[in-house]
């Protein structure tokens, strides 16, 4: 069992200690009336966002992570993941899409190919 895995059994790297935060968003269709009072209503269910910070990854680890979402390599923008949901205090399966994936080269070899990546981050957002 991994911290986060796809329905196809692909385990994402474990997050860096002290990271792996979450945000729960409530979507609202609303605004203010002429008196400045809120007018609106909640749209749909609350959505979970998981913020993943992997710290340093080796090139093969980063490649496997990115391939999950890379459509040119058979990945998908939306995947079914088993994640820990703090609202339920348990692991659940849910469809999630990926936000921006970021990182920077940490070490570069003589041929200018990165040998390690630092500050690797990605977000998963519930569909």
C-alpha atoms as a PDB file:
ATOM      1  CA  UNK A   1       0.000   0.000   0.000  1.00  0.00           C
ATOM      2  CA  UNK A   2       1.340   3.432  -0.981  1.00  0.00           C
ATOM      3  CA  UNK A   3       0.528   6.892   0.305  1.00  0.00           C
ATOM      4  CA  UNK A   4      -1.169   7.666  -3.033  1.00  0.00           C
ATOM      5  CA  UNK A   5      -1.687   5.174  -5.830  1.00  0.00           C
ATOM      6  CA  UNK A   6      -3.646   4.915  -9.044  1.00  0.00           C
ATOM      7  CA  UNK A   7      -6.405   2.397  -9.613  1.00  0.00           C
ATOM      8  CA  UNK A   8      -3.936   0.682 -11.952  1.00  0.00           C
ATOM      9  CA  UNK A   9      -1.546   0.135  -9.027  1.00  0.00           C
ATOM     10  CA  UNK A  10       1.011   2.845  -9.822  1.00  0.00           C
ATOM     11  CA  UNK A  11       2.355   4.233  -6.534  1.00  0.00           C
ATOM     12  CA  UNK A  12       3.335   7.889  -6.426  1.00  0.00           C
ATOM     13  CA  UNK A  13       6.502   8.746  -4.485  1.00  0.00           C
ATOM     14  CA  UNK A  14       6.017   9.390  -0.782  1.00  0.00           C
ATOM     15  CA  UNK A  15       5.874  13.090   0.070  1.00  0.00           C
ATOM     16  CA  UNK A  16       8.689  14.856   1.844  1.00  0.00           C
ATOM     17  CA  UNK A  17       8.285  14.758   5.640  1.00  0.00           C
ATOM     18  CA  UNK A  18       6.197  17.675   6.833  1.00  0.00           C
ATOM     19  CA  UNK A  19       4.540  18.204   3.449  1.00  0.00           C
ATOM     20  CA  UNK A  20       1.571  16.645   1.690  1.00  0.00           C
ATOM     21  CA  UNK A  21      -0.973  19.211   2.834  1.00  0.00           C
ATOM     22  CA  UNK A  22      -4.592  19.467   1.795  1.00  0.00           C
ATOM     23  CA  UNK A  23      -7.190  22.105   0.970  1.00  0.00           C
ATOM     24  CA  UNK A  24     -10.937  21.580   0.974  1.00  0.00           C
ATOM     25  CA  UNK A  25     -12.787  23.980  -1.337  1.00  0.00           C
ATOM     26  CA  UNK A  26     -16.467  24.811  -1.202  1.00  0.00           C
ATOM     27  CA  UNK A  27     -17.673  26.073  -4.567  1.00  0.00           C
ATOM     28  CA  UNK A  28     -20.109  28.952  -4.278  1.00  0.00           C
ATOM     29  CA  UNK A  29     -22.233  30.658  -6.908  1.00  0.00           C
ATOM     30  CA  UNK A  30     -22.833  34.031  -5.366  1.00  0.00           C
ATOM     31  CA  UNK A  31     -22.134  37.685  -4.941  1.00  0.00           C
ATOM     32  CA  UNK A  32     -23.374  40.701  -3.001  1.00  0.00           C
ATOM     33  CA  UNK A  33     -26.642  42.616  -3.256  1.00  0.00           C
ATOM     34  CA  UNK A  34     -27.001  46.415  -3.220  1.00  0.00           C
ATOM     35  CA  UNK A  35     -26.856  46.387   0.608  1.00  0.00           C
ATOM     36  CA  UNK A  36     -23.564  44.504   0.529  1.00  0.00           C
ATOM     37  CA  UNK A  37     -25.075  41.280   1.882  1.00  0.00           C
ATOM     38  CA  UNK A  38     -23.980  37.930   0.518  1.00  0.00           C
ATOM     39  CA  UNK A  39     -26.378  36.280  -1.919  1.00  0.00           C
ATOM     40  CA  UNK A  40     -25.592  32.839  -3.245  1.00  0.00           C
ATOM     41  CA  UNK A  41     -25.567  29.150  -2.719  1.00  0.00           C
ATOM     42  CA  UNK A  42     -23.177  26.263  -2.499  1.00  0.00           C
ATOM     43  CA  UNK A  43     -22.639  24.532  -5.845  1.00  0.00           C
ATOM     44  CA  UNK A  44     -22.040  20.792  -5.654  1.00  0.00           C
ATOM     45  CA  UNK A  45     -19.984  19.015  -3.023  1.00  0.00           C
ATOM     46  CA  UNK A  46     -16.765  20.165  -1.345  1.00  0.00           C
ATOM     47  CA  UNK A  47     -13.631  19.250  -3.290  1.00  0.00           C
ATOM     48  CA  UNK A  48     -10.360  17.906  -1.870  1.00  0.00           C
ATOM     49  CA  UNK A  49      -6.996  19.176  -3.114  1.00  0.00           C
ATOM     50  CA  UNK A  50      -3.840  17.339  -2.106  1.00  0.00           C
ATOM     51  CA  UNK A  51      -0.603  19.319  -2.237  1.00  0.00           C
ATOM     52  CA  UNK A  52       2.346  17.021  -2.836  1.00  0.00           C
ATOM     53  CA  UNK A  53       5.938  18.107  -2.171  1.00  0.00           C
ATOM     54  CA  UNK A  54       8.444  15.391  -2.996  1.00  0.00           C
ATOM     55  CA  UNK A  55      11.629  17.332  -2.218  1.00  0.00           C
ATOM     56  CA  UNK A  56      14.335  15.589  -4.251  1.00  0.00           C
ATOM     57  CA  UNK A  57      13.625  12.892  -6.853  1.00  0.00           C
ATOM     58  CA  UNK A  58      15.951  10.872  -9.023  1.00  0.00           C
ATOM     59  CA  UNK A  59      15.323  11.185 -12.784  1.00  0.00           C
ATOM     60  CA  UNK A  60      13.572   7.803 -13.028  1.00  0.00           C
ATOM     61  CA  UNK A  61      11.276   8.668 -10.093  1.00  0.00           C
ATOM     62  CA  UNK A  62      10.322  11.987 -11.698  1.00  0.00           C
ATOM     63  CA  UNK A  63       9.763  10.309 -15.080  1.00  0.00           C
ATOM     64  CA  UNK A  64       7.398   7.712 -13.529  1.00  0.00           C
ATOM     65  CA  UNK A  65       5.469  10.450 -11.685  1.00  0.00           C
ATOM     66  CA  UNK A  66       5.072  12.597 -14.802  1.00  0.00           C
ATOM     67  CA  UNK A  67       4.142   9.619 -17.010  1.00  0.00           C
ATOM     68  CA  UNK A  68       0.969   9.032 -14.954  1.00  0.00           C
ATOM     69  CA  UNK A  69      -0.410  12.302 -16.377  1.00  0.00           C
ATOM     70  CA  UNK A  70       1.391  12.496 -19.746  1.00  0.00           C
ATOM     71  CA  UNK A  71      -1.139  11.606 -22.447  1.00  0.00           C
ATOM     72  CA  UNK A  72       1.636  11.101 -25.023  1.00  0.00           C
ATOM     73  CA  UNK A  73       2.939   8.239 -22.828  1.00  0.00           C
ATOM     74  CA  UNK A  74      -0.462   6.664 -22.199  1.00  0.00           C
ATOM     75  CA  UNK A  75      -1.193   8.669 -19.036  1.00  0.00           C
ATOM     76  CA  UNK A  76      -4.357  10.608 -18.289  1.00  0.00           C
ATOM     77  CA  UNK A  77      -5.171  14.101 -17.035  1.00  0.00           C
ATOM     78  CA  UNK A  78      -7.872  12.620 -14.763  1.00  0.00           C
ATOM     79  CA  UNK A  79      -7.021   9.436 -12.859  1.00  0.00           C
ATOM     80  CA  UNK A  80      -8.654   7.377 -10.128  1.00  0.00           C
ATOM     81  CA  UNK A  81      -6.502   7.570  -6.988  1.00  0.00           C
ATOM     82  CA  UNK A  82      -6.546   6.032  -3.546  1.00  0.00           C
ATOM     83  CA  UNK A  83      -5.849   8.956  -1.229  1.00  0.00           C
ATOM     84  CA  UNK A  84      -6.204   9.783   2.445  1.00  0.00           C
ATOM     85  CA  UNK A  85      -9.293  11.955   2.933  1.00  0.00           C
ATOM     86  CA  UNK A  86      -9.100  13.966   6.181  1.00  0.00           C
ATOM     87  CA  UNK A  87     -12.877  14.438   6.125  1.00  0.00           C
ATOM     88  CA  UNK A  88     -13.351  10.677   6.508  1.00  0.00           C
ATOM     89  CA  UNK A  89     -10.104   9.930   8.358  1.00  0.00           C
ATOM     90  CA  UNK A  90      -9.522   7.039   5.987  1.00  0.00           C
ATOM     91  CA  UNK A  91      -8.235   6.122   2.539  1.00  0.00           C
ATOM     92  CA  UNK A  92     -10.805   6.487  -0.250  1.00  0.00           C
ATOM     93  CA  UNK A  93     -10.883   6.152  -4.033  1.00  0.00           C
ATOM     94  CA  UNK A  94     -11.705   9.271  -6.022  1.00  0.00           C
ATOM     95  CA  UNK A  95     -11.245  10.728  -9.472  1.00  0.00           C
ATOM     96  CA  UNK A  96      -8.718  13.561  -9.431  1.00  0.00           C
ATOM     97  CA  UNK A  97      -6.985  15.724 -11.991  1.00  0.00           C
ATOM     98  CA  UNK A  98      -3.458  16.998 -11.753  1.00  0.00           C
ATOM     99  CA  UNK A  99      -2.472  20.652 -11.401  1.00  0.00           C
ATOM    100  CA  UNK A 100       0.880  22.101 -12.362  1.00  0.00           C
ATOM    101  CA  UNK A 101       3.925  19.904 -11.857  1.00  0.00           C
ATOM    102  CA  UNK A 102       7.112  21.774 -10.941  1.00  0.00           C
ATOM    103  CA  UNK A 103      10.740  21.083 -10.123  1.00  0.00           C
ATOM    104  CA  UNK A 104      14.258  22.310 -10.795  1.00  0.00           C
ATOM    105  CA  UNK A 105      17.529  20.556 -11.623  1.00  0.00           C
ATOM    106  CA  UNK A 106      19.589  19.918  -8.496  1.00  0.00           C
ATOM    107  CA  UNK A 107      22.623  18.233 -10.033  1.00  0.00           C
ATOM    108  CA  UNK A 108      23.612  18.222 -13.678  1.00  0.00           C
ATOM    109  CA  UNK A 109      26.030  15.768 -15.283  1.00  0.00           C
ATOM    110  CA  UNK A 110      28.852  16.482 -17.717  1.00  0.00           C
ATOM    111  CA  UNK A 111      26.397  16.118 -20.620  1.00  0.00           C
ATOM    112  CA  UNK A 112      24.033  18.704 -19.001  1.00  0.00           C
ATOM    113  CA  UNK A 113      21.390  16.082 -18.243  1.00  0.00           C
ATOM    114  CA  UNK A 114      19.871  16.472 -14.747  1.00  0.00           C
ATOM    115  CA  UNK A 115      21.027  13.774 -12.311  1.00  0.00           C
ATOM    116  CA  UNK A 116      18.542  14.822  -9.615  1.00  0.00           C
ATOM    117  CA  UNK A 117      15.541  17.130  -9.321  1.00  0.00           C
ATOM    118  CA  UNK A 118      14.725  19.378  -6.335  1.00  0.00           C
ATOM    119  CA  UNK A 119      11.570  21.119  -5.136  1.00  0.00           C
ATOM    120  CA  UNK A 120       9.368  18.692  -7.074  1.00  0.00           C
ATOM    121  CA  UNK A 121       5.710  19.511  -6.443  1.00  0.00           C
ATOM    122  CA  UNK A 122       2.311  18.578  -7.842  1.00  0.00           C
ATOM    123  CA  UNK A 123      -1.322  18.925  -6.805  1.00  0.00           C
ATOM    124  CA  UNK A 124      -4.230  16.519  -7.180  1.00  0.00           C
ATOM    125  CA  UNK A 125      -7.705  18.063  -7.258  1.00  0.00           C
ATOM    126  CA  UNK A 126     -10.934  16.102  -6.831  1.00  0.00           C
ATOM    127  CA  UNK A 127     -13.150  16.103  -9.943  1.00  0.00           C
END
